[in-house]
C-alpha cells in the first residue's frame, strides 16, 4: 500500500514538474554553445529537425532521469522498509479489496 502511495506521489510530482517545465519553456531561453557530431548535425538539418528544440528535449529527458534516480536513491530505505512490512504482514486492509 505504501509503495502504491509513494508511486502515486512520485507520479503527481513528475506531472507537476512537467507542467512547470512547460511554463519555463514559454518564459525564457538562453543561448548555449554545444559541440555535436558533425555528421549527425548535417543529417538532422537535412531532415528539417529543429536542433535547439531537440537538444533541449534531450537535456530535459536526461534531467528527468537523473532526478528520478536521485529520488529512488534517497527513498530506497523507505521503499525497502515498506516492502518488508508488506512481505511480513500482507497488505493493510487487503480483506476489503474486491480484486
Protein backbone atom coordinates (compact mmCIF):
# COMPACT_ATOMS: atom_id res chain seq x y z
CA UNK A 1 0.00 0.00 0.00
CA UNK A 2 2.78 2.41 0.88
CA UNK A 3 4.62 1.69 -2.32
CA UNK A 4 1.46 2.46 -4.23
CA UNK A 5 1.13 5.75 -2.35
CA UNK A 6 4.78 6.55 -2.97
CA UNK A 7 4.33 5.75 -6.64
CA UNK A 8 1.24 7.96 -6.86
CA UNK A 9 3.09 10.77 -5.07
CA UNK A 10 6.03 10.44 -7.45
CA UNK A 11 3.70 10.39 -10.47
CA UNK A 12 1.93 13.56 -9.32
CA UNK A 13 5.25 15.21 -8.57
CA UNK A 14 6.55 14.41 -12.06
CA UNK A 15 3.34 15.70 -13.66
CA UNK A 16 3.60 18.96 -11.72
CA UNK A 17 7.25 19.35 -12.68
CA UNK A 18 6.39 18.70 -16.32
CA UNK A 19 3.79 21.46 -16.15
CA UNK A 20 6.37 23.78 -14.60
CA UNK A 21 8.84 22.86 -17.34
CA UNK A 22 6.24 23.82 -19.94
CA UNK A 23 5.87 27.21 -18.27
CA UNK A 24 9.65 27.60 -18.25
CA UNK A 25 9.82 26.87 -21.97
CA UNK A 26 7.42 29.70 -22.62
CA UNK A 27 9.18 32.10 -20.30
CA UNK A 28 12.89 32.32 -21.03
CA UNK A 29 15.50 30.92 -23.32
CA UNK A 30 19.23 31.33 -23.15
CA UNK A 31 21.78 30.78 -25.89
CA UNK A 32 24.28 27.98 -25.33
CA UNK A 33 27.18 26.58 -27.32
CA UNK A 34 27.14 22.85 -27.96
CA UNK A 35 29.59 20.53 -29.63
CA UNK A 36 27.73 17.97 -31.71
CA UNK A 37 28.78 15.21 -34.05
CA UNK A 38 29.04 16.93 -37.44
CA UNK A 39 27.51 14.06 -39.42
CA UNK A 40 24.56 13.87 -37.03
CA UNK A 41 24.10 17.62 -37.19
CA UNK A 42 24.07 17.63 -41.01
CA UNK A 43 21.62 14.73 -41.10
CA UNK A 44 19.31 16.48 -38.64
CA UNK A 45 19.43 19.68 -40.70
CA UNK A 46 18.70 17.73 -43.90
CA UNK A 47 15.65 16.22 -42.21
CA UNK A 48 14.44 19.64 -41.07
CA UNK A 49 14.85 18.86 -37.38
CA UNK A 50 14.93 21.85 -35.04
CA UNK A 51 18.35 21.39 -33.43
CA UNK A 52 17.72 23.66 -30.44
CA UNK A 53 14.40 22.06 -29.54
CA UNK A 54 15.79 18.56 -30.00
CA UNK A 55 18.80 19.32 -27.81
CA UNK A 56 16.50 20.86 -25.21
CA UNK A 57 14.24 17.80 -25.25
CA UNK A 58 17.24 15.51 -24.80
CA UNK A 59 18.60 17.56 -21.91
CA UNK A 60 15.15 17.70 -20.30
CA UNK A 61 14.91 13.90 -20.52
CA UNK A 62 18.38 13.49 -19.00
CA UNK A 63 17.43 15.83 -16.14
CA UNK A 64 14.19 13.89 -15.59
CA UNK A 65 16.02 10.55 -15.46
CA UNK A 66 18.66 11.95 -13.12
CA UNK A 67 16.03 13.34 -10.74
CA UNK A 68 14.13 10.05 -10.81
CA UNK A 69 17.29 8.09 -9.99
CA UNK A 70 18.13 10.53 -7.19
CA UNK A 71 14.60 10.23 -5.76
CA UNK A 72 14.85 6.43 -5.80
CA UNK A 73 18.27 6.57 -4.07
CA UNK A 74 17.03 9.00 -1.44
CA UNK A 75 13.91 6.92 -0.74
CA UNK A 76 15.41 3.44 -1.10
CA UNK A 77 15.33 2.72 2.64
CA UNK A 78 11.69 3.80 2.96
CA UNK A 79 10.69 1.67 -0.03
CA UNK A 80 12.64 -1.32 1.33
CA UNK A 81 11.02 -0.89 4.74
CA UNK A 82 7.58 -0.76 3.17
CA UNK A 83 8.28 -3.87 1.11
CA UNK A 84 9.49 -5.73 4.21
CA UNK A 85 6.34 -4.77 6.09
CA UNK A 86 4.08 -5.99 3.29
CA UNK A 87 6.03 -9.24 2.98
CA UNK A 88 5.76 -9.87 6.72
CA UNK A 89 2.20 -8.65 7.31
CA UNK A 90 0.48 -8.56 3.93
CA UNK A 91 -1.27 -5.56 2.50
CA UNK A 92 -3.15 -3.44 5.02
CA UNK A 93 -6.92 -3.76 4.59
CA UNK A 94 -6.43 -6.46 1.96
CA UNK A 95 -9.55 -8.26 3.17
CA UNK A 96 -11.62 -5.34 1.84
CA UNK A 97 -10.13 -5.45 -1.65
CA UNK A 98 -12.53 -6.55 -4.36
CA UNK A 99 -9.96 -7.65 -6.92
